[in-house]
């Protein structure tokens, strides 16, 4: 009887030790991941999966870590393992969809994201990616529908509002687009893509000065923003031509000079600045 008790006690203690080891490794792995020490984090989570092959959290973490290290096939394998262990694990399914997207496998990605909303009808990420896929398929109506759902599920995500704004913009629903661009900036004030798009809304309405103001705002945030630089160069060149047509050659020259300041390699501004500067002196 004493021998049987000793054996039971051994296995019970071994189980407790194993559980303690797993928890300790999980904590260490998470800490290394937080500190961006990816190699050590991988070692810890791999150790967990050897002790506990069904540990979904460890497999998911390995999937993320492998993806960060550009080891995408291994990442896909880890997330697939989780999905087999639990076909309702939306985190793993989402990442499988993202990896399918990376590989250009749009139909497979669509299936994964669609499966998520069957499991979790309030999953903002899945709606976001479905909206993106519909946009890619040139179906703006469906893109808007799903991006609206993403927005409603997670109204504090700047990217979702921006994508929705772009979808509205693509079908000339300018007022709606403006509203969503502004909501984007309420969440993230330095979201320069939204600022640039607002500039284009003003520009297309004929309000070039307000457009310029927006693009200058972008350059205060990021002086190397190529979109804002090219947008400003176009605006200044257009204003130069407007001035020239009105007989205001000196004013036109000033706008071309502004173009060169913002975009030194602008060939059109260089050419016309040289031509009309000499004429104004003559």
Protein backbone atom coordinates (compact mmCIF):
# COMPACT_ATOMS: atom_id res chain seq x y z
CA UNK A 1 0.00 0.00 0.00
CA UNK A 2 2.85 2.33 0.86
CA UNK A 3 4.43 1.66 -2.54
CA UNK A 4 1.21 2.54 -4.41
CA UNK A 5 0.85 5.74 -2.37
CA UNK A 6 4.44 6.69 -3.14
CA UNK A 7 3.88 6.16 -6.87
CA UNK A 8 0.72 8.30 -6.83
CA UNK A 9 2.49 10.99 -4.86
CA UNK A 10 5.35 10.98 -7.41
CA UNK A 11 3.04 11.47 -10.38
CA UNK A 12 1.02 14.15 -8.62
CA UNK A 13 4.17 16.06 -7.73
CA UNK A 14 5.52 15.62 -11.26
CA UNK A 15 2.30 17.09 -12.64
CA UNK A 16 2.54 20.10 -10.32
CA UNK A 17 6.20 20.66 -11.27
CA UNK A 18 5.37 20.41 -15.00
CA UNK A 19 2.55 22.93 -14.61
CA UNK A 20 4.86 25.25 -12.70
CA UNK A 21 7.53 24.89 -15.39
CA UNK A 22 5.02 25.70 -18.14
CA UNK A 23 3.74 28.79 -16.33
CA UNK A 24 7.27 29.97 -15.65
CA UNK A 25 8.27 29.48 -19.30
CA UNK A 26 5.14 31.29 -20.49
CA UNK A 27 5.94 34.24 -18.25
CA UNK A 28 9.56 34.35 -19.41
CA UNK A 29 8.54 34.06 -23.05
CA UNK A 30 6.01 36.88 -22.73
CA UNK A 31 8.61 39.05 -20.98
CA UNK A 32 11.22 38.44 -23.69
CA UNK A 33 8.60 39.17 -26.38
CA UNK A 34 7.65 42.46 -24.69
CA UNK A 35 11.34 43.41 -24.58
CA UNK A 36 11.68 42.54 -28.31
CA UNK A 37 14.16 39.76 -27.56
CA UNK A 38 12.52 37.53 -30.16
CA UNK A 39 15.06 34.71 -30.21
CA UNK A 40 14.83 34.10 -26.47
CA UNK A 41 11.03 34.40 -26.60
CA UNK A 42 10.94 31.72 -29.30
CA UNK A 43 13.14 29.41 -27.21
CA UNK A 44 10.81 29.73 -24.21
CA UNK A 45 7.57 29.19 -26.14
CA UNK A 46 9.07 26.26 -28.07
CA UNK A 47 9.95 24.71 -24.71
CA UNK A 48 6.33 25.11 -23.61
CA UNK A 49 5.02 23.31 -26.70
CA UNK A 50 7.40 20.39 -26.03
CA UNK A 51 6.05 20.04 -22.50
CA UNK A 52 2.45 20.88 -23.39
CA UNK A 53 1.80 20.31 -27.12
CA UNK A 54 -1.80 21.51 -26.80
CA UNK A 55 -0.98 24.89 -25.31
CA UNK A 56 -2.84 27.24 -27.68
CA UNK A 57 -1.35 30.41 -26.22
CA UNK A 58 2.23 29.21 -26.78
CA UNK A 59 1.49 28.15 -30.37
CA UNK A 60 -0.15 31.51 -31.10
CA UNK A 61 2.80 33.38 -29.64
CA UNK A 62 5.21 31.30 -31.70
CA UNK A 63 3.14 32.12 -34.78
CA UNK A 64 3.51 35.85 -34.15
CA UNK A 65 7.21 35.54 -33.34
CA UNK A 66 7.95 33.47 -36.45
CA UNK A 67 6.06 36.01 -38.58
CA UNK A 68 8.15 38.82 -37.08
CA UNK A 69 11.26 36.87 -38.05
CA UNK A 70 9.93 36.38 -41.61
CA UNK A 71 9.55 32.64 -40.97
CA UNK A 72 6.09 32.65 -42.49
CA UNK A 73 5.72 28.93 -43.23
CA UNK A 74 6.48 28.10 -39.60
CA UNK A 75 4.07 30.81 -38.48
CA UNK A 76 1.32 29.34 -40.66
CA UNK A 77 2.01 25.90 -39.17
CA UNK A 78 1.66 27.21 -35.60
CA UNK A 79 -1.64 29.00 -36.25
CA UNK A 80 -2.93 25.94 -38.12
CA UNK A 81 -2.08 23.82 -35.07
CA UNK A 82 -4.17 26.11 -32.88
CA UNK A 83 -7.07 26.08 -35.34
CA UNK A 84 -7.03 22.26 -35.25
CA UNK A 85 -6.96 22.25 -31.45
CA UNK A 86 -9.83 24.76 -31.28
CA UNK A 87 -11.73 25.67 -34.45
CA UNK A 88 -13.23 28.66 -32.61
CA UNK A 89 -9.89 30.31 -31.83
CA UNK A 90 -10.46 33.53 -33.76
CA UNK A 91 -6.96 34.86 -33.06
CA UNK A 92 -5.33 31.97 -34.92
CA UNK A 93 -7.92 32.07 -37.73
CA UNK A 94 -7.36 35.81 -38.18
CA UNK A 95 -3.62 35.28 -38.57
CA UNK A 96 -4.17 32.45 -41.02
CA UNK A 97 -6.25 34.88 -43.07
CA UNK A 98 -3.52 37.54 -42.86
CA UNK A 99 -0.89 35.05 -44.01
CA UNK A 100 -3.13 33.96 -46.90
CA UNK A 101 -3.39 37.66 -47.84
CA UNK A 102 0.39 37.95 -47.75
CA UNK A 103 0.63 35.05 -50.20
CA UNK A 104 -1.95 36.62 -52.52
CA UNK A 105 -4.46 33.85 -51.71
CA UNK A 106 -7.49 36.11 -51.61
CA UNK A 107 -10.21 33.45 -51.65
CA UNK A 108 -8.64 31.52 -48.77
CA UNK A 109 -8.21 34.75 -46.82
CA UNK A 110 -11.84 35.66 -47.44
CA UNK A 111 -12.96 32.25 -46.12
CA UNK A 112 -10.96 32.70 -42.90
CA UNK A 113 -12.24 36.22 -42.19
CA UNK A 114 -15.79 35.19 -43.02
CA UNK A 115 -15.51 32.22 -40.64
CA UNK A 116 -14.49 34.59 -37.83
CA UNK A 117 -17.65 36.67 -38.07
CA UNK A 118 -19.71 33.46 -37.94
CA UNK A 119 -18.01 32.74 -34.60
CA UNK A 120 -17.81 36.33 -33.37
CA UNK A 121 -20.28 38.72 -35.07
CA UNK A 122 -18.59 41.69 -33.36
CA UNK A 123 -15.04 41.02 -34.53
CA UNK A 124 -13.84 44.36 -35.88
CA UNK A 125 -10.64 42.94 -37.37
CA UNK A 126 -12.49 40.40 -39.52
CA UNK A 127 -14.92 43.04 -40.82
CA UNK A 128 -11.98 45.33 -41.54
CA UNK A 129 -10.16 42.74 -43.65
CA UNK A 130 -13.34 41.70 -45.44
CA UNK A 131 -13.95 45.35 -46.30
CA UNK A 132 -10.39 45.61 -47.56
CA UNK A 133 -10.85 42.51 -49.73
CA UNK A 134 -14.07 43.87 -51.23
CA UNK A 135 -12.25 47.11 -51.96
CA UNK A 136 -9.49 45.12 -53.66
CA UNK A 137 -12.15 43.35 -55.72
CA UNK A 138 -13.46 46.77 -56.84
CA UNK A 139 -16.75 46.32 -54.99
CA UNK A 140 -16.99 49.63 -53.11
CA UNK A 141 -20.59 49.08 -51.97
CA UNK A 142 -19.69 45.89 -50.10
CA UNK A 143 -16.43 47.45 -48.91
CA UNK A 144 -18.40 50.27 -47.33
CA UNK A 145 -20.86 47.84 -45.74
CA UNK A 146 -18.15 45.80 -44.04
CA UNK A 147 -15.98 48.75 -43.08
CA UNK A 148 -19.03 50.31 -41.44
CA UNK A 149 -19.44 47.12 -39.43
CA UNK A 150 -15.76 47.27 -38.47
CA UNK A 151 -16.20 50.88 -37.38
CA UNK A 152 -19.28 50.05 -35.33
CA UNK A 153 -17.52 47.11 -33.68
CA UNK A 154 -14.42 49.16 -32.84
CA UNK A 155 -15.05 52.87 -33.23
CA UNK A 156 -11.65 53.80 -31.78
CA UNK A 157 -9.54 52.33 -34.58
CA UNK A 158 -8.12 55.09 -36.81
CA UNK A 159 -7.28 52.75 -39.69
CA UNK A 160 -10.87 51.55 -39.93
CA UNK A 161 -12.22 55.10 -40.20
CA UNK A 162 -9.61 55.95 -42.82
CA UNK A 163 -10.41 52.88 -44.93
CA UNK A 164 -14.11 53.68 -44.71
CA UNK A 165 -13.41 57.28 -45.72
CA UNK A 166 -11.42 56.08 -48.74
CA UNK A 167 -14.28 53.78 -49.73
CA UNK A 168 -16.76 56.68 -49.53
CA UNK A 169 -14.32 58.87 -51.45
CA UNK A 170 -14.00 56.31 -54.25
CA UNK A 171 -17.75 56.49 -54.97
CA UNK A 172 -17.87 60.32 -54.68
CA UNK A 173 -19.68 60.32 -51.32
CA UNK A 174 -17.49 63.27 -50.37
CA UNK A 175 -19.42 64.49 -47.31
CA UNK A 176 -19.30 61.02 -45.76
CA UNK A 177 -15.64 60.70 -46.65
CA UNK A 178 -14.82 64.03 -45.00
CA UNK A 179 -16.64 62.97 -41.84
CA UNK A 180 -14.66 59.73 -41.59
CA UNK A 181 -11.33 61.44 -42.35
CA UNK A 182 -12.05 63.86 -39.52
CA UNK A 183 -12.96 60.98 -37.18
CA UNK A 184 -9.64 59.38 -38.12
CA UNK A 185 -7.84 62.53 -37.03
CA UNK A 186 -9.84 62.78 -33.81
CA UNK A 187 -8.42 59.38 -32.87
CA UNK A 188 -4.94 59.97 -34.30
CA UNK A 189 -4.16 63.62 -35.00
CA UNK A 190 -0.95 62.87 -36.93
CA UNK A 191 -2.56 60.48 -39.41
CA UNK A 192 -1.02 62.21 -42.44
CA UNK A 193 -2.82 60.10 -45.06
CA UNK A 194 -6.14 61.45 -43.80
CA UNK A 195 -4.80 65.02 -43.79
CA UNK A 196 -3.62 64.60 -47.39
CA UNK A 197 -6.99 63.25 -48.52
CA UNK A 198 -8.82 66.16 -46.89
CA UNK A 199 -6.49 68.38 -48.90
CA UNK A 200 -7.70 66.71 -52.10
CA UNK A 201 -11.34 67.23 -51.13
CA UNK A 202 -10.66 70.97 -50.79
CA UNK A 203 -8.60 70.98 -53.97
CA UNK A 204 -11.28 69.32 -56.07
CA UNK A 205 -13.79 71.86 -54.78
CA UNK A 206 -11.53 74.59 -56.15
CA UNK A 207 -10.28 75.72 -52.72
CA UNK A 208 -6.55 75.47 -53.45
CA UNK A 209 -5.48 77.56 -50.47
CA UNK A 210 -7.23 75.26 -47.98
CA UNK A 211 -5.73 72.26 -49.77
CA UNK A 212 -2.26 73.78 -49.50
CA UNK A 213 -2.85 74.41 -45.80
CA UNK A 214 -3.61 70.71 -45.28
CA UNK A 215 -0.52 69.53 -47.13
CA UNK A 216 1.69 72.02 -45.29
CA UNK A 217 0.26 70.60 -42.06
CA UNK A 218 1.42 67.14 -43.16
CA UNK A 219 4.96 68.42 -43.80
CA UNK A 220 5.08 69.85 -40.28
CA UNK A 221 4.47 66.32 -39.04
CA UNK A 222 6.74 64.63 -41.60
CA UNK A 223 8.90 66.90 -43.74
CA UNK A 224 9.67 63.99 -46.10
CA UNK A 225 6.08 62.98 -46.85
CA UNK A 226 6.29 62.37 -50.61
CA UNK A 227 2.53 62.65 -51.21
CA UNK A 228 2.32 66.07 -49.57
CA UNK A 229 5.41 67.27 -51.47
CA UNK A 230 4.02 66.21 -54.85
CA UNK A 231 0.58 67.58 -54.00
CA UNK A 232 2.01 70.97 -53.06
CA UNK A 233 4.15 71.05 -56.20
CA UNK A 234 1.07 70.43 -58.34
CA UNK A 235 -0.94 73.07 -56.47
CA UNK A 236 1.78 75.71 -56.83
CA UNK A 237 2.24 74.90 -60.53
CA UNK A 238 -1.51 75.17 -61.10
CA UNK A 239 -1.64 78.48 -59.25
CA UNK A 240 1.27 79.70 -61.35
CA UNK A 241 -0.67 78.96 -64.53
CA UNK A 242 -3.81 80.61 -63.12
CA UNK A 243 -1.74 83.74 -62.42
CA UNK A 244 -0.09 83.64 -65.83
CA UNK A 245 -3.46 83.40 -67.60
CA UNK A 246 -4.59 86.45 -65.64
CA UNK A 247 -1.55 88.40 -66.84
CA UNK A 248 0.17 88.25 -63.44
CA UNK A 249 3.56 87.00 -64.55
CA UNK A 250 5.44 88.05 -61.39
CA UNK A 251 2.90 86.23 -59.23
CA UNK A 252 3.25 83.14 -61.43
CA UNK A 253 7.02 83.27 -61.00
CA UNK A 254 6.62 83.35 -57.21
CA UNK A 255 4.48 80.18 -57.32
CA UNK A 256 7.04 78.40 -59.52
CA UNK A 257 9.73 79.44 -57.03
CA UNK A 258 7.64 77.87 -54.27
CA UNK A 259 7.40 74.71 -56.35
CA UNK A 260 11.20 74.53 -56.63
CA UNK A 261 11.62 75.08 -52.89
CA UNK A 262 9.26 72.20 -52.06
CA UNK A 263 10.25 69.96 -54.99
CA UNK A 264 13.72 70.95 -56.35
CA UNK A 265 13.62 68.40 -59.16
CA UNK A 266 10.34 69.62 -60.66
CA UNK A 267 11.19 69.95 -64.37
CA UNK A 268 8.09 71.90 -65.39
CA UNK A 269 8.63 74.57 -62.73
CA UNK A 270 12.33 74.86 -63.63
CA UNK A 271 11.57 75.27 -67.32
CA UNK A 272 8.80 77.87 -66.97
CA UNK A 273 10.61 79.72 -64.21
CA UNK A 274 13.63 80.14 -66.49
CA UNK A 275 11.52 81.14 -69.49
CA UNK A 276 9.22 83.65 -67.78
CA UNK A 277 11.88 85.09 -65.45
CA UNK A 278 13.90 86.16 -68.49
CA UNK A 279 10.78 87.61 -70.15
CA UNK A 280 9.79 89.58 -67.07
CA UNK A 281 13.28 91.08 -66.91
CA UNK A 282 13.15 91.88 -70.63
